[in-house]
Amino acid sequence: MKYISTRGQAPLAGFEEVLLTGLAPDGGLYVPETWPALTADDIADLRNRPYAEVAARVIALFTGEVFSQAQLLEIAGAIYGRFDHADVAPLTKVGDADWILELYHGPTLAFKDFAMQFLGRLFDDVLARRGERLTIIAATSGDTGAAAIDALKSCAHVDVVVLHPEGRVTDVQRRMMTCVDAANVQNIAVAGSFDDCQAIVKELFADRDFVSQVRLGGVNSINWARIAAQTVYYFTAAAAISEVGEGVSFVVPTGNFGDIFAGYVAKKIGLNINRLAVATNANDIL
């Protein structure tokens, strides 16, 4: 599996490089050079499978030889075993044909736990093999930072720096980020908005010499591995509520469009999705 930049000015990269780098050198996002495909039979076979097994099967499509499906299953079993619901991402019926997908059963109660917990293990395993250390920098409006810190605080080969807008996160989120007793975690309150925090992150990644010098990586939606991990619950949800081959639609509250893009990826590789609807606040950024 090889990856290209959406800006088309970066060399092809393998999964390890994409995982550790985040943004491509030309400032674009890494996406697969060619899309893998699941057949209707492959997708039908996901029905009634444990969440961890579905995760291993789907994510293995994107890791190439870096992680085998068996390795991914071991990782998924360990991290999703920490979630407080046996189904990991259960569904609640709220109408004749309407369901709510519960993505708040992870350790920080945010949907971002699904991908962050996976990223933490992938980072540590790859870095241990390479004998390297990585510094992760992330911008957050609250939940990304808490999820990243929880996922990375026990990593032996990762340092994490989180930027959050001062006074613009909830008190619970602030405590989740600033009350962690881990030597590899640093949290910085920025006088400004989330967009100011994100601008700092993008500026740092634009300095390729600095990125190489400090071995900088990212866990915001710029990291393809996070998108790959988020595609999984689209498959488990569709398998749970639809007949084999029947299409479903998703309405997704989204800020930076990372989560809705994961739904698009699921559709791209074979899931029968009728419609993806974006729910976002009115603003002058998106």
Protein backbone atom coordinates (compact mmCIF):
# COMPACT_ATOMS: atom_id res chain seq x y z
CA MET A 1 0.00 0.00 0.00
CA LYS A 2 1.45 3.33 -1.13
CA TYR A 3 0.20 6.82 -0.37
CA ILE A 4 0.17 10.07 -2.34
CA SER A 5 -0.31 13.67 -1.25
CA THR A 6 -3.51 15.48 -2.15
CA ARG A 7 -1.28 18.31 -3.44
CA GLY A 8 0.63 15.99 -5.74
CA GLN A 9 4.11 17.34 -4.95
CA ALA A 10 5.37 14.74 -2.47
CA PRO A 11 6.98 11.37 -3.23
CA LEU A 12 5.08 8.13 -2.68
CA ALA A 13 5.14 6.99 0.95
CA GLY A 14 4.52 3.73 2.77
CA PHE A 15 2.22 3.29 5.76
CA GLU A 16 4.99 3.71 8.35
CA GLU A 17 6.03 7.08 6.96
CA VAL A 18 2.42 8.23 6.66
CA LEU A 19 1.73 7.17 10.25
CA LEU A 20 4.76 8.94 11.70
CA THR A 21 4.70 12.05 9.51
CA GLY A 22 1.06 13.18 9.50
CA LEU A 23 1.12 15.91 6.85
CA ALA A 24 2.92 15.26 3.57
CA PRO A 25 6.07 17.35 2.91
CA ASP A 26 4.15 19.53 0.42
CA GLY A 27 1.50 20.35 3.02
CA GLY A 28 -1.09 17.98 1.57
CA LEU A 29 -2.90 15.07 3.17
CA TYR A 30 -1.79 11.52 2.51
CA VAL A 31 -4.39 9.27 0.87
CA PRO A 32 -4.03 5.82 -0.74
CA GLU A 33 -2.59 5.80 -4.25
CA THR A 34 -5.24 3.22 -5.12
CA TRP A 35 -8.27 2.40 -3.02
CA PRO A 36 -8.57 -1.12 -1.59
CA ALA A 37 -11.93 -2.79 -2.07
CA LEU A 38 -14.19 -5.00 0.01
CA THR A 39 -16.67 -7.15 -1.88
CA ALA A 40 -20.30 -7.52 -0.89
CA ASP A 41 -19.43 -10.95 0.51
CA ASP A 42 -16.55 -9.48 2.54
CA ILE A 43 -18.88 -6.90 4.06
CA ALA A 44 -21.63 -9.45 4.70
CA ASP A 45 -19.08 -11.54 6.61
CA LEU A 46 -18.58 -8.66 9.05
CA ARG A 47 -22.08 -9.11 10.48
CA ASN A 48 -22.14 -10.25 14.11
CA ARG A 49 -18.35 -10.04 14.37
CA PRO A 50 -16.80 -8.44 17.49
CA TYR A 51 -15.80 -4.82 16.99
CA ALA A 52 -12.09 -5.64 17.41
CA GLU A 53 -12.23 -8.23 14.63
CA VAL A 54 -13.94 -5.82 12.23
CA ALA A 55 -11.34 -3.19 13.10
CA ALA A 56 -8.48 -5.58 12.32
CA ARG A 57 -10.00 -6.58 8.98
CA VAL A 58 -10.72 -3.03 7.83
CA ILE A 59 -7.53 -1.35 9.04
CA ALA A 60 -5.39 -4.15 7.56
CA LEU A 61 -6.48 -2.90 4.13
CA PHE A 62 -4.38 0.22 4.71
CA THR A 63 -1.31 -1.00 6.62
CA GLY A 64 0.24 -3.20 3.94
CA GLU A 65 3.02 -5.37 5.37
CA VAL A 66 3.68 -3.06 8.32
CA PHE A 67 1.01 -4.71 10.48
CA SER A 68 -0.59 -8.07 9.84
CA GLN A 69 -4.28 -8.65 10.50
CA ALA A 70 -3.30 -10.85 13.47
CA GLN A 71 -1.20 -8.04 14.98
CA LEU A 72 -4.02 -5.56 14.47
CA LEU A 73 -6.48 -7.95 16.11
CA GLU A 74 -4.25 -8.17 19.19
CA ILE A 75 -4.01 -4.37 19.37
CA ALA A 76 -7.75 -3.87 18.81
CA GLY A 77 -8.66 -6.45 21.43
CA ALA A 78 -6.48 -4.74 24.02
CA ILE A 79 -7.61 -1.16 23.41
CA TYR A 80 -11.32 -1.71 22.80
CA GLY A 81 -11.42 -4.00 25.81
CA ARG A 82 -10.99 -0.80 27.87
CA PHE A 83 -14.25 0.64 26.54
CA ASP A 84 -17.20 0.45 28.92
CA HIS A 85 -19.65 -1.30 26.59
CA ALA A 86 -19.29 -4.83 25.27
CA ASP A 87 -20.34 -3.74 21.76
CA VAL A 88 -17.81 -0.86 21.85
CA ALA A 89 -19.98 1.26 19.50
CA PRO A 90 -23.59 0.23 20.27
CA LEU A 91 -26.68 1.53 18.51
CA THR A 92 -29.84 2.91 20.13
CA LYS A 93 -33.06 2.90 18.12
CA VAL A 94 -34.90 6.25 18.24
CA GLY A 95 -37.42 5.81 15.41
CA ASP A 96 -38.78 3.35 12.89
CA ALA A 97 -35.64 3.61 10.78
CA ASP A 98 -33.46 5.92 12.86
CA TRP A 99 -30.61 4.98 15.15
CA ILE A 100 -28.02 6.78 17.25
CA LEU A 101 -24.48 5.40 17.10
CA GLU A 102 -22.97 5.71 20.57
CA LEU A 103 -19.33 6.75 20.24
CA TYR A 104 -18.77 7.83 23.83
CA HIS A 105 -17.81 4.60 25.58
CA GLY A 106 -14.05 5.19 25.43
CA PRO A 107 -11.80 6.36 28.29
CA THR A 108 -12.36 10.10 27.64
CA LEU A 109 -15.99 9.77 26.47
CA ALA A 110 -15.16 11.21 23.02
CA PHE A 111 -15.54 9.56 19.62
CA LYS A 112 -11.88 10.36 19.05
CA ASP A 113 -10.91 7.59 21.49
CA PHE A 114 -11.69 5.07 18.74
CA ALA A 115 -8.80 6.26 16.59
CA MET A 116 -6.47 7.78 19.19
CA GLN A 117 -6.18 4.61 21.24
CA PHE A 118 -5.25 2.73 18.07
CA LEU A 119 -2.74 5.38 17.02
CA GLY A 120 -0.95 5.17 20.36
CA ARG A 121 -0.26 1.47 19.93
CA LEU A 122 0.72 1.81 16.27
CA PHE A 123 3.14 4.63 17.09
CA ASP A 124 4.83 2.75 19.91
CA ASP A 125 5.15 -0.51 17.97
CA VAL A 126 6.65 1.13 14.87
CA LEU A 127 8.99 3.40 16.85
CA ALA A 128 10.22 0.48 18.97
CA ARG A 129 11.13 -1.45 15.82
CA ARG A 130 12.98 1.56 14.40
CA GLY A 131 14.65 2.60 17.65
CA GLU A 132 13.24 6.12 17.30
CA ARG A 133 11.29 8.66 19.32
CA LEU A 134 8.46 10.89 18.06
CA THR A 135 7.06 14.20 19.27
CA ILE A 136 3.33 14.54 18.63
CA ILE A 137 1.81 18.00 18.47
CA ALA A 138 -1.96 18.48 18.42
CA ALA A 139 -4.39 21.37 18.41
CA THR A 140 -7.63 20.88 20.30
CA SER A 141 -10.89 22.51 21.24
CA GLY A 142 -11.07 20.01 24.10
CA ASP A 143 -11.86 16.44 23.17
CA THR A 144 -8.96 15.77 20.76
CA GLY A 145 -6.41 16.81 23.36
CA ALA A 146 -7.90 14.71 26.13
CA ALA A 147 -8.17 11.68 23.84
CA ALA A 148 -4.61 12.12 22.53
CA ILE A 149 -3.14 12.48 26.01
CA ASP A 150 -4.94 9.42 27.35
CA ALA A 151 -3.84 7.36 24.35
CA LEU A 152 -0.20 8.49 24.37
CA LYS A 153 0.62 9.02 28.05
CA SER A 154 1.82 5.42 28.46
CA CYS A 155 3.79 5.27 25.20
CA ALA A 156 7.47 4.58 25.74
CA HIS A 157 8.60 6.21 22.50
CA VAL A 158 6.28 9.23 22.16
CA ASP A 159 6.19 12.74 23.62
CA VAL A 160 2.96 14.70 23.20
CA VAL A 161 2.38 18.47 23.19
CA VAL A 162 -1.22 19.71 23.11
CA LEU A 163 -2.32 23.27 22.35
CA HIS A 164 -5.76 24.36 23.57
CA PRO A 165 -7.46 27.80 23.51
CA GLU A 166 -7.24 29.29 26.98
CA GLY A 167 -10.64 29.62 28.64
CA ARG A 168 -12.46 28.02 25.70
CA VAL A 169 -12.59 24.39 26.78
CA THR A 170 -14.85 22.89 29.42
CA ASP A 171 -13.51 22.46 32.92
CA VAL A 172 -13.74 18.68 32.58
CA GLN A 173 -11.72 18.77 29.35
CA ARG A 174 -9.15 21.10 30.90
CA ARG A 175 -8.67 18.76 33.84
CA MET A 176 -8.38 15.72 31.56
CA MET A 177 -5.54 17.48 29.75
CA THR A 178 -3.73 19.28 32.57
CA CYS A 179 -4.00 16.84 35.49
CA VAL A 180 -2.12 13.95 33.89
CA ASP A 181 0.97 12.83 35.80
CA ALA A 182 3.09 11.68 32.85
CA ALA A 183 6.57 12.94 31.99
CA ASN A 184 5.94 12.72 28.24
CA VAL A 185 2.86 15.02 28.27
CA GLN A 186 2.93 18.81 27.90
CA ASN A 187 -0.19 20.98 27.64
CA ILE A 188 -0.08 24.62 26.53
CA ALA A 189 -2.94 27.12 26.86
CA VAL A 190 -2.92 29.49 23.88
CA ALA A 191 -4.37 33.00 24.08
CA GLY A 192 -6.73 32.71 21.12
CA SER A 193 -9.14 30.33 19.42
CA PHE A 194 -8.86 26.73 18.25
CA ASP A 195 -8.08 28.06 14.78
CA ASP A 196 -5.09 29.89 16.24
CA CYS A 197 -3.89 26.62 17.78
CA GLN A 198 -4.37 24.80 14.48
CA ALA A 199 -2.50 27.55 12.62
CA ILE A 200 0.50 27.05 14.91
CA VAL A 201 0.48 23.32 14.23
CA LYS A 202 0.30 23.84 10.46
CA GLU A 203 3.09 26.43 10.59
CA LEU A 204 5.33 24.01 12.48
CA PHE A 205 4.68 21.25 9.95
CA ALA A 206 5.47 23.65 7.11
CA ASP A 207 9.03 24.01 8.46
CA ARG A 208 10.46 20.74 7.13
CA ASP A 209 13.86 21.26 8.78
CA PHE A 210 12.17 21.65 12.17
CA VAL A 211 9.95 18.62 11.54
CA SER A 212 13.03 16.49 10.84
CA GLN A 213 15.05 17.94 13.70
CA VAL A 214 12.50 17.17 16.43
CA ARG A 215 10.86 14.18 14.64
CA LEU A 216 7.44 15.83 14.64
CA GLY A 217 4.20 13.92 14.04
CA GLY A 218 0.49 14.68 14.25
CA VAL A 219 -2.76 13.12 15.44
CA ASN A 220 -5.29 15.64 14.22
CA SER A 221 -7.40 14.71 11.19
CA ILE A 222 -4.26 15.25 9.09
CA ASN A 223 -3.08 11.75 10.06
CA TRP A 224 -4.36 9.11 7.64
CA ALA A 225 -4.13 6.31 10.23
CA ARG A 226 -6.69 8.13 12.33
CA ILE A 227 -9.09 8.34 9.39
CA ALA A 228 -8.60 4.63 8.70
CA ALA A 229 -9.46 3.71 12.29
CA GLN A 230 -12.61 5.85 12.18
CA THR A 231 -13.99 4.02 9.14
CA VAL A 232 -14.57 0.93 11.28
CA TYR A 233 -17.71 2.05 13.10
CA TYR A 234 -19.42 2.87 9.82
CA PHE A 235 -19.05 -0.80 8.90
CA THR A 236 -20.20 -2.14 12.29
CA ALA A 237 -23.20 0.20 12.34
CA ALA A 238 -24.30 -0.68 8.82
CA ALA A 239 -23.86 -4.39 9.50
CA ALA A 240 -25.97 -4.18 12.65
CA ILE A 241 -29.02 -2.38 11.23
CA SER A 242 -29.26 -3.21 7.54
CA GLU A 243 -29.92 -6.31 5.53
CA VAL A 244 -26.98 -7.64 3.53
CA GLY A 245 -26.31 -5.25 0.66
CA GLU A 246 -28.92 -2.71 1.78
CA GLY A 247 -27.79 0.91 1.80
CA VAL A 248 -27.76 3.16 4.87
CA SER A 249 -27.36 6.90 5.42
CA PHE A 250 -25.37 8.72 8.10
CA VAL A 251 -25.81 12.18 9.58
CA VAL A 252 -22.50 13.21 11.13
CA PRO A 253 -21.84 16.21 13.39
CA THR A 254 -18.39 17.32 12.31
CA GLY A 255 -15.97 20.20 12.71
CA ASN A 256 -12.88 19.63 10.56
CA PHE A 257 -14.70 17.04 8.41
CA GLY A 258 -12.38 14.21 9.50
CA ASP A 259 -15.21 12.01 10.75
CA ILE A 260 -17.41 12.53 7.70
CA PHE A 261 -14.38 11.85 5.49
CA ALA A 262 -13.98 8.51 7.26
CA GLY A 263 -17.54 7.74 6.16
CA TYR A 264 -16.62 8.69 2.60
CA VAL A 265 -13.64 6.33 2.79
CA ALA A 266 -15.92 3.51 3.98
CA LYS A 267 -18.16 4.16 0.98
CA LYS A 268 -15.16 4.36 -1.33
CA ILE A 269 -13.92 0.90 -0.34
CA GLY A 270 -17.27 -0.81 -0.68
CA LEU A 271 -19.80 0.03 2.03
CA ASN A 272 -23.24 0.73 0.54
CA ILE A 273 -23.91 4.24 1.87
CA ASN A 274 -26.83 6.10 0.34
CA ARG A 275 -26.08 9.51 1.78
CA LEU A 276 -23.58 11.26 4.03
CA ALA A 277 -25.05 14.40 5.61
CA VAL A 278 -22.82 16.93 7.35
CA ALA A 279 -24.12 18.66 10.48
CA THR A 280 -22.04 21.67 11.49
CA ASN A 281 -22.49 25.10 13.02
CA ALA A 282 -22.84 28.19 10.83
CA ASN A 283 -19.40 29.80 10.58
CA ASP A 284 -17.08 31.57 8.17
CA ILE A 285 -14.32 28.95 8.16
CA LEU A 286 -15.81 25.80 6.60
